[in-house]
Amino acid sequence: MEKKKISPWPAAIVAFFSVIFIVNFTFLYFAVKSDDGLTDADYYRKGLLYNNKITEERMLGWNIELSFDGIPKPQGNTVKVDIKDSENRWVKDAEVMLFLKRPATNKFDSSVTLYLKDGSYSGIISIPLEGYWYMDVKAARSGKSIEKSFKVKV
């Protein structure tokens, strides 16, 4: 009597699609569970008021410049923000905040209050990772504010 051979192809096809199924659902699980940090808080309201914010900033007429003492490094950076008004005078009575944001995640985001020292607003920041960072400066005075974003490589 002859034994009938069973083909391995049906089992191989089932195994192949099972692996694809498991990998896809693993990626789907991690995509849903992880936070990418790319959505700004209250983005819808900010979008609606964007044109008003631009107009307010133009009327205020401030110019903001960001600089560091030396090349930006991961720890112990002294950051300096110079703010001048539309007549090129130093603005010395503003409240200034610096927000550090990582482009790909909000895990390392932080903020620092900058204080007036020698005509500029300054503070010390630590940057936990090398790479590109967004440093957003927000200056406010008398209920009006201006924001400027800088992209810095550490």
C-alpha atoms as a PDB file:
ATOM      1  CA  MET A   1       0.000   0.000   0.000  1.00  0.00           C
ATOM      2  CA  GLU A   2       1.205   3.397  -0.935  1.00  0.00           C
ATOM      3  CA  LYS A   3       1.162   6.253   1.593  1.00  0.00           C
ATOM      4  CA  LYS A   4      -0.255   9.487   0.353  1.00  0.00           C
ATOM      5  CA  LYS A   5       2.156  12.421   0.802  1.00  0.00           C
ATOM      6  CA  ILE A   6       0.767  15.531   2.460  1.00  0.00           C
ATOM      7  CA  SER A   7       1.894  18.746   0.833  1.00  0.00           C
ATOM      8  CA  PRO A   8       3.608  21.300   3.119  1.00  0.00           C
ATOM      9  CA  TRP A   9       2.223  24.259   1.135  1.00  0.00           C
ATOM     10  CA  PRO A  10      -1.105  24.736   2.960  1.00  0.00           C
ATOM     11  CA  ALA A  11       0.686  24.815   6.332  1.00  0.00           C
ATOM     12  CA  ALA A  12       3.332  27.204   4.972  1.00  0.00           C
ATOM     13  CA  ILE A  13       0.662  29.582   3.637  1.00  0.00           C
ATOM     14  CA  VAL A  14      -1.225  29.549   6.945  1.00  0.00           C
ATOM     15  CA  ALA A  15       2.031  30.153   8.874  1.00  0.00           C
ATOM     16  CA  PHE A  16       3.013  33.009   6.545  1.00  0.00           C
ATOM     17  CA  PHE A  17      -0.281  34.841   6.942  1.00  0.00           C
ATOM     18  CA  SER A  18      -0.304  34.161  10.693  1.00  0.00           C
ATOM     19  CA  VAL A  19       3.068  35.874  11.064  1.00  0.00           C
ATOM     20  CA  ILE A  20       1.877  38.838   8.967  1.00  0.00           C
ATOM     21  CA  PHE A  21      -1.280  39.079  11.089  1.00  0.00           C
ATOM     22  CA  ILE A  22       0.663  38.996  14.390  1.00  0.00           C
ATOM     23  CA  VAL A  23       3.220  41.598  13.241  1.00  0.00           C
ATOM     24  CA  ASN A  24       0.542  43.964  11.937  1.00  0.00           C
ATOM     25  CA  PHE A  25      -1.500  43.814  15.118  1.00  0.00           C
ATOM     26  CA  THR A  26       1.633  44.294  17.233  1.00  0.00           C
ATOM     27  CA  PHE A  27       2.426  47.489  15.291  1.00  0.00           C
ATOM     28  CA  LEU A  28      -1.202  48.595  15.573  1.00  0.00           C
ATOM     29  CA  TYR A  29      -1.151  48.071  19.353  1.00  0.00           C
ATOM     30  CA  PHE A  30       2.010  50.153  19.828  1.00  0.00           C
ATOM     31  CA  ALA A  31       0.758  52.873  17.466  1.00  0.00           C
ATOM     32  CA  VAL A  32      -2.440  53.301  19.475  1.00  0.00           C
ATOM     33  CA  LYS A  33      -0.808  53.023  22.917  1.00  0.00           C
ATOM     34  CA  SER A  34       2.173  55.344  22.370  1.00  0.00           C
ATOM     35  CA  ASP A  35       1.986  59.133  22.485  1.00  0.00           C
ATOM     36  CA  ASP A  36       3.763  60.867  19.628  1.00  0.00           C
ATOM     37  CA  GLY A  37       3.495  64.285  21.270  1.00  0.00           C
ATOM     38  CA  LEU A  38       2.938  66.032  17.966  1.00  0.00           C
ATOM     39  CA  THR A  39      -0.444  67.577  18.715  1.00  0.00           C
ATOM     40  CA  ASP A  40      -0.351  70.944  20.400  1.00  0.00           C
ATOM     41  CA  ALA A  41      -2.738  71.410  23.306  1.00  0.00           C
ATOM     42  CA  ASP A  42      -5.875  73.317  22.316  1.00  0.00           C
ATOM     43  CA  TYR A  43      -4.772  73.428  18.672  1.00  0.00           C
ATOM     44  CA  TYR A  44      -8.269  74.105  17.306  1.00  0.00           C
ATOM     45  CA  ARG A  45      -8.793  77.333  19.289  1.00  0.00           C
ATOM     46  CA  LYS A  46      -5.249  78.477  18.480  1.00  0.00           C
ATOM     47  CA  GLY A  47      -5.946  77.921  14.792  1.00  0.00           C
ATOM     48  CA  LEU A  48      -9.117  79.990  14.925  1.00  0.00           C
ATOM     49  CA  LEU A  49      -7.305  82.883  16.609  1.00  0.00           C
ATOM     50  CA  TYR A  50      -4.126  82.646  14.492  1.00  0.00           C
ATOM     51  CA  ASN A  51      -4.780  85.720  12.321  1.00  0.00           C
ATOM     52  CA  ASN A  52      -5.688  87.798  15.375  1.00  0.00           C
ATOM     53  CA  LYS A  53      -2.430  86.739  17.049  1.00  0.00           C
ATOM     54  CA  ILE A  54      -0.368  87.723  13.976  1.00  0.00           C
ATOM     55  CA  THR A  55      -2.043  91.147  13.859  1.00  0.00           C
ATOM     56  CA  GLU A  56      -1.449  91.704  17.582  1.00  0.00           C
ATOM     57  CA  GLU A  57       2.240  90.760  17.233  1.00  0.00           C
ATOM     58  CA  ARG A  58       2.720  93.146  14.292  1.00  0.00           C
ATOM     59  CA  MET A  59       1.111  96.006  16.212  1.00  0.00           C
ATOM     60  CA  LEU A  60       3.385  95.312  19.186  1.00  0.00           C
ATOM     61  CA  GLY A  61       6.419  95.502  16.864  1.00  0.00           C
ATOM     62  CA  TRP A  62       8.915  93.637  19.008  1.00  0.00           C
ATOM     63  CA  ASN A  63      11.943  91.854  17.595  1.00  0.00           C
ATOM     64  CA  ILE A  64      13.172  88.787  19.487  1.00  0.00           C
ATOM     65  CA  GLU A  65      16.645  87.250  19.114  1.00  0.00           C
ATOM     66  CA  LEU A  66      17.915  84.076  20.816  1.00  0.00           C
ATOM     67  CA  SER A  67      21.588  83.358  21.505  1.00  0.00           C
ATOM     68  CA  PHE A  68      23.784  81.093  23.616  1.00  0.00           C
ATOM     69  CA  ASP A  69      27.104  81.534  25.381  1.00  0.00           C
ATOM     70  CA  GLY A  70      29.058  79.274  23.040  1.00  0.00           C
ATOM     71  CA  ILE A  71      27.744  76.300  21.085  1.00  0.00           C
ATOM     72  CA  PRO A  72      24.583  74.711  22.566  1.00  0.00           C
ATOM     73  CA  LYS A  73      25.450  71.553  24.498  1.00  0.00           C
ATOM     74  CA  PRO A  74      23.389  69.017  26.465  1.00  0.00           C
ATOM     75  CA  GLN A  75      23.968  70.461  29.966  1.00  0.00           C
ATOM     76  CA  GLY A  76      24.350  73.926  31.493  1.00  0.00           C
ATOM     77  CA  ASN A  77      23.613  76.306  28.630  1.00  0.00           C
ATOM     78  CA  THR A  78      23.213  79.990  29.316  1.00  0.00           C
ATOM     79  CA  VAL A  79      20.521  81.222  26.959  1.00  0.00           C
ATOM     80  CA  LYS A  80      20.041  84.900  26.205  1.00  0.00           C
ATOM     81  CA  VAL A  81      17.005  86.581  24.649  1.00  0.00           C
ATOM     82  CA  ASP A  82      17.210  90.137  23.346  1.00  0.00           C
ATOM     83  CA  ILE A  83      13.939  91.991  22.794  1.00  0.00           C
ATOM     84  CA  LYS A  84      13.742  95.345  21.042  1.00  0.00           C
ATOM     85  CA  ASP A  85      10.673  97.394  20.219  1.00  0.00           C
ATOM     86  CA  SER A  86       9.774  98.967  16.862  1.00  0.00           C
ATOM     87  CA  GLU A  87      12.037 101.962  17.628  1.00  0.00           C
ATOM     88  CA  ASN A  88      15.024  99.653  18.362  1.00  0.00           C
ATOM     89  CA  ARG A  89      14.889 100.256  22.133  1.00  0.00           C
ATOM     90  CA  TRP A  90      15.433  97.435  24.620  1.00  0.00           C
ATOM     91  CA  VAL A  91      12.243  96.054  26.163  1.00  0.00           C
ATOM     92  CA  LYS A  92      13.005  95.729  29.858  1.00  0.00           C
ATOM     93  CA  ASP A  93       9.659  95.168  31.526  1.00  0.00           C
ATOM     94  CA  ALA A  94       8.351  91.971  29.937  1.00  0.00           C
ATOM     95  CA  GLU A  95       7.705  88.525  31.333  1.00  0.00           C
ATOM     96  CA  VAL A  96       9.716  86.081  29.218  1.00  0.00           C
ATOM     97  CA  MET A  97       9.393  82.296  29.060  1.00  0.00           C
ATOM     98  CA  LEU A  98      11.411  79.816  27.009  1.00  0.00           C
ATOM     99  CA  PHE A  99       9.766  76.534  26.020  1.00  0.00           C
ATOM    100  CA  LEU A 100      11.992  73.655  24.892  1.00  0.00           C
ATOM    101  CA  LYS A 101      10.244  71.173  22.609  1.00  0.00           C
ATOM    102  CA  ARG A 102      11.515  68.037  20.923  1.00  0.00           C
ATOM    103  CA  PRO A 103      10.065  67.695  17.388  1.00  0.00           C
ATOM    104  CA  ALA A 104       9.177  63.994  17.641  1.00  0.00           C
ATOM    105  CA  THR A 105       7.926  63.660  21.219  1.00  0.00           C
ATOM    106  CA  ASN A 106       6.742  65.756  24.136  1.00  0.00           C
ATOM    107  CA  LYS A 107       8.482  63.504  26.679  1.00  0.00           C
ATOM    108  CA  PHE A 108      11.392  65.925  27.143  1.00  0.00           C
ATOM    109  CA  ASP A 109       9.523  69.240  26.835  1.00  0.00           C
ATOM    110  CA  SER A 110      10.231  71.823  29.508  1.00  0.00           C
ATOM    111  CA  SER A 111       9.994  75.538  30.187  1.00  0.00           C
ATOM    112  CA  VAL A 112      12.192  78.118  31.871  1.00  0.00           C
ATOM    113  CA  THR A 113      11.435  81.631  33.077  1.00  0.00           C
ATOM    114  CA  LEU A 114      14.052  84.093  31.844  1.00  0.00           C
ATOM    115  CA  TYR A 115      15.076  87.065  33.996  1.00  0.00           C
ATOM    116  CA  LEU A 116      16.424  90.469  33.002  1.00  0.00           C
ATOM    117  CA  LYS A 117      20.202  90.710  33.389  1.00  0.00           C
ATOM    118  CA  ASP A 118      22.461  93.281  31.705  1.00  0.00           C
ATOM    119  CA  GLY A 119      19.742  94.378  29.248  1.00  0.00           C
ATOM    120  CA  SER A 120      18.888  90.842  28.088  1.00  0.00           C
ATOM    121  CA  TYR A 121      16.665  88.127  29.441  1.00  0.00           C
ATOM    122  CA  SER A 122      18.714  85.088  30.398  1.00  0.00           C
ATOM    123  CA  GLY A 123      18.563  81.749  32.141  1.00  0.00           C
ATOM    124  CA  ILE A 124      20.257  78.376  32.310  1.00  0.00           C
ATOM    125  CA  ILE A 125      18.778  75.420  30.458  1.00  0.00           C
ATOM    126  CA  SER A 126      19.625  71.746  30.226  1.00  0.00           C
ATOM    127  CA  ILE A 127      18.896  69.889  27.027  1.00  0.00           C
ATOM    128  CA  PRO A 128      18.529  66.159  27.733  1.00  0.00           C
ATOM    129  CA  LEU A 129      19.254  64.866  24.208  1.00  0.00           C
ATOM    130  CA  GLU A 130      21.378  65.879  21.268  1.00  0.00           C
ATOM    131  CA  GLY A 131      19.661  66.741  18.003  1.00  0.00           C
ATOM    132  CA  TYR A 132      17.156  69.340  16.867  1.00  0.00           C
ATOM    133  CA  TRP A 133      14.994  71.252  19.351  1.00  0.00           C
ATOM    134  CA  TYR A 134      12.369  73.940  18.995  1.00  0.00           C
ATOM    135  CA  MET A 135      12.888  76.767  21.434  1.00  0.00           C
ATOM    136  CA  ASP A 136       9.805  78.947  21.653  1.00  0.00           C
ATOM    137  CA  VAL A 137      10.166  82.342  23.313  1.00  0.00           C
ATOM    138  CA  LYS A 138       7.021  83.960  24.687  1.00  0.00           C
ATOM    139  CA  ALA A 139       7.248  87.550  25.892  1.00  0.00           C
ATOM    140  CA  ALA A 140       4.302  89.373  27.464  1.00  0.00           C
ATOM    141  CA  ARG A 141       3.685  92.888  28.743  1.00  0.00           C
ATOM    142  CA  SER A 142       0.470  94.715  29.633  1.00  0.00           C
ATOM    143  CA  GLY A 143      -1.755  91.866  28.469  1.00  0.00           C
ATOM    144  CA  LYS A 144      -0.135  91.654  25.025  1.00  0.00           C
ATOM    145  CA  SER A 145       2.250  88.917  24.018  1.00  0.00           C
ATOM    146  CA  ILE A 146       4.492  87.777  21.211  1.00  0.00           C
ATOM    147  CA  GLU A 147       5.886  84.337  20.430  1.00  0.00           C
ATOM    148  CA  LYS A 148       8.818  83.367  18.249  1.00  0.00           C
ATOM    149  CA  SER A 149      10.111  79.891  17.536  1.00  0.00           C
ATOM    150  CA  PHE A 150      13.742  78.961  16.903  1.00  0.00           C
ATOM    151  CA  LYS A 151      15.087  75.640  15.635  1.00  0.00           C
ATOM    152  CA  VAL A 152      18.378  74.783  17.367  1.00  0.00           C
ATOM    153  CA  LYS A 153      20.741  71.844  16.852  1.00  0.00           C
ATOM    154  CA  VAL A 154      22.513  70.596  19.969  1.00  0.00           C
END
